[in-house]
């Protein structure tokens, strides 16, 4: 029997949950929604789209799971995670 409630996959060493969820950050992202586009912002676009601090142009939603995939998301294209090794 296959359980749809726990649809976890592993991609490039990352454990990703593909089950439905609600709110920015629920899949482990930073948890911010861009005010103009009304879309969730990923870690790679956070500084560019939201600014510093992120609340300058984005609204925090911080759904359960927010931030859990930060290191994975930032290293998936060969870039080291910010703060790695410090």
C-alpha atoms as a PDB file:
ATOM      1  CA  UNK A   1       0.000   0.000   0.000  1.00  0.00           C
ATOM      2  CA  UNK A   2       1.287   3.477  -0.885  1.00  0.00           C
ATOM      3  CA  UNK A   3       0.703   6.295   1.569  1.00  0.00           C
ATOM      4  CA  UNK A   4       0.050   9.688   0.023  1.00  0.00           C
ATOM      5  CA  UNK A   5       0.257  11.371   3.418  1.00  0.00           C
ATOM      6  CA  UNK A   6       4.012  10.986   3.482  1.00  0.00           C
ATOM      7  CA  UNK A   7       5.277  11.755  -0.007  1.00  0.00           C
ATOM      8  CA  UNK A   8       8.952  12.264   0.763  1.00  0.00           C
ATOM      9  CA  UNK A   9      11.568  12.186  -1.968  1.00  0.00           C
ATOM     10  CA  UNK A  10      15.311  12.570  -1.890  1.00  0.00           C
ATOM     11  CA  UNK A  11      16.876  14.939  -4.414  1.00  0.00           C
ATOM     12  CA  UNK A  12      20.597  15.701  -4.433  1.00  0.00           C
ATOM     13  CA  UNK A  13      20.924  14.527  -0.844  1.00  0.00           C
ATOM     14  CA  UNK A  14      17.921  16.552   0.308  1.00  0.00           C
ATOM     15  CA  UNK A  15      14.893  15.079   1.999  1.00  0.00           C
ATOM     16  CA  UNK A  16      11.901  16.858   0.445  1.00  0.00           C
ATOM     17  CA  UNK A  17       8.279  16.435   1.457  1.00  0.00           C
ATOM     18  CA  UNK A  18       6.015  16.700  -1.578  1.00  0.00           C
ATOM     19  CA  UNK A  19       2.732  16.332   0.295  1.00  0.00           C
ATOM     20  CA  UNK A  20       0.360  19.318   0.035  1.00  0.00           C
ATOM     21  CA  UNK A  21       0.883  22.120   2.517  1.00  0.00           C
ATOM     22  CA  UNK A  22      -0.184  25.724   2.981  1.00  0.00           C
ATOM     23  CA  UNK A  23       1.769  28.924   3.558  1.00  0.00           C
ATOM     24  CA  UNK A  24       5.206  30.172   2.582  1.00  0.00           C
ATOM     25  CA  UNK A  25       7.868  28.103   4.267  1.00  0.00           C
ATOM     26  CA  UNK A  26       5.794  24.939   4.617  1.00  0.00           C
ATOM     27  CA  UNK A  27       8.224  23.031   2.366  1.00  0.00           C
ATOM     28  CA  UNK A  28      11.235  24.334   4.281  1.00  0.00           C
ATOM     29  CA  UNK A  29      11.673  27.664   2.493  1.00  0.00           C
ATOM     30  CA  UNK A  30      12.350  30.993   4.198  1.00  0.00           C
ATOM     31  CA  UNK A  31       8.669  31.718   4.897  1.00  0.00           C
ATOM     32  CA  UNK A  32       8.222  35.062   3.116  1.00  0.00           C
ATOM     33  CA  UNK A  33       5.621  36.140   0.517  1.00  0.00           C
ATOM     34  CA  UNK A  34       6.572  38.911  -1.943  1.00  0.00           C
ATOM     35  CA  UNK A  35       4.063  41.774  -1.679  1.00  0.00           C
ATOM     36  CA  UNK A  36       3.927  42.616  -5.410  1.00  0.00           C
ATOM     37  CA  UNK A  37       3.837  39.116  -6.914  1.00  0.00           C
ATOM     38  CA  UNK A  38       2.034  37.397  -3.997  1.00  0.00           C
ATOM     39  CA  UNK A  39       4.351  34.410  -4.481  1.00  0.00           C
ATOM     40  CA  UNK A  40       6.541  32.679  -1.933  1.00  0.00           C
ATOM     41  CA  UNK A  41      10.200  33.670  -2.139  1.00  0.00           C
ATOM     42  CA  UNK A  42      13.000  31.093  -2.112  1.00  0.00           C
ATOM     43  CA  UNK A  43      16.280  31.387  -0.246  1.00  0.00           C
ATOM     44  CA  UNK A  44      18.193  32.331  -3.401  1.00  0.00           C
ATOM     45  CA  UNK A  45      15.886  35.287  -4.152  1.00  0.00           C
ATOM     46  CA  UNK A  46      15.293  36.435  -0.580  1.00  0.00           C
ATOM     47  CA  UNK A  47      17.791  39.329  -0.517  1.00  0.00           C
ATOM     48  CA  UNK A  48      17.033  40.439  -4.078  1.00  0.00           C
ATOM     49  CA  UNK A  49      13.243  40.371  -3.900  1.00  0.00           C
ATOM     50  CA  UNK A  50      12.581  41.093  -0.242  1.00  0.00           C
ATOM     51  CA  UNK A  51      15.529  43.273   0.706  1.00  0.00           C
ATOM     52  CA  UNK A  52      17.240  43.545   4.042  1.00  0.00           C
ATOM     53  CA  UNK A  53      15.485  43.066   6.335  1.00  0.00           C
ATOM     54  CA  UNK A  54      13.191  40.705   4.388  1.00  0.00           C
ATOM     55  CA  UNK A  55      10.123  42.491   5.763  1.00  0.00           C
ATOM     56  CA  UNK A  56      11.056  45.526   3.614  1.00  0.00           C
ATOM     57  CA  UNK A  57       9.152  44.102   0.605  1.00  0.00           C
ATOM     58  CA  UNK A  58       7.830  40.760   1.843  1.00  0.00           C
ATOM     59  CA  UNK A  59       5.376  39.512   4.433  1.00  0.00           C
ATOM     60  CA  UNK A  60       6.460  36.745   6.825  1.00  0.00           C
ATOM     61  CA  UNK A  61       4.152  33.733   6.902  1.00  0.00           C
ATOM     62  CA  UNK A  62       6.450  31.313   8.717  1.00  0.00           C
ATOM     63  CA  UNK A  63       4.366  28.213   8.132  1.00  0.00           C
ATOM     64  CA  UNK A  64       5.351  25.105  10.111  1.00  0.00           C
ATOM     65  CA  UNK A  65       8.576  23.761   8.583  1.00  0.00           C
ATOM     66  CA  UNK A  66       9.990  27.184   7.689  1.00  0.00           C
ATOM     67  CA  UNK A  67      13.738  27.146   7.159  1.00  0.00           C
ATOM     68  CA  UNK A  68      14.184  23.374   7.372  1.00  0.00           C
ATOM     69  CA  UNK A  69      15.609  23.071   3.844  1.00  0.00           C
ATOM     70  CA  UNK A  70      17.849  26.161   3.853  1.00  0.00           C
ATOM     71  CA  UNK A  71      21.178  24.362   3.595  1.00  0.00           C
ATOM     72  CA  UNK A  72      19.853  21.944   1.013  1.00  0.00           C
ATOM     73  CA  UNK A  73      18.304  24.690  -1.134  1.00  0.00           C
ATOM     74  CA  UNK A  74      21.443  26.782  -1.142  1.00  0.00           C
ATOM     75  CA  UNK A  75      23.841  23.955  -1.981  1.00  0.00           C
ATOM     76  CA  UNK A  76      21.699  22.243  -4.642  1.00  0.00           C
ATOM     77  CA  UNK A  77      23.299  24.254  -7.460  1.00  0.00           C
ATOM     78  CA  UNK A  78      26.840  23.888  -6.226  1.00  0.00           C
ATOM     79  CA  UNK A  79      26.885  26.955  -4.003  1.00  0.00           C
ATOM     80  CA  UNK A  80      27.872  26.551  -0.364  1.00  0.00           C
ATOM     81  CA  UNK A  81      25.257  27.573   2.183  1.00  0.00           C
ATOM     82  CA  UNK A  82      25.727  30.984   3.777  1.00  0.00           C
ATOM     83  CA  UNK A  83      27.507  30.646   7.049  1.00  0.00           C
ATOM     84  CA  UNK A  84      28.691  27.149   6.244  1.00  0.00           C
ATOM     85  CA  UNK A  85      31.765  26.365   8.224  1.00  0.00           C
ATOM     86  CA  UNK A  86      31.374  29.307  10.580  1.00  0.00           C
END
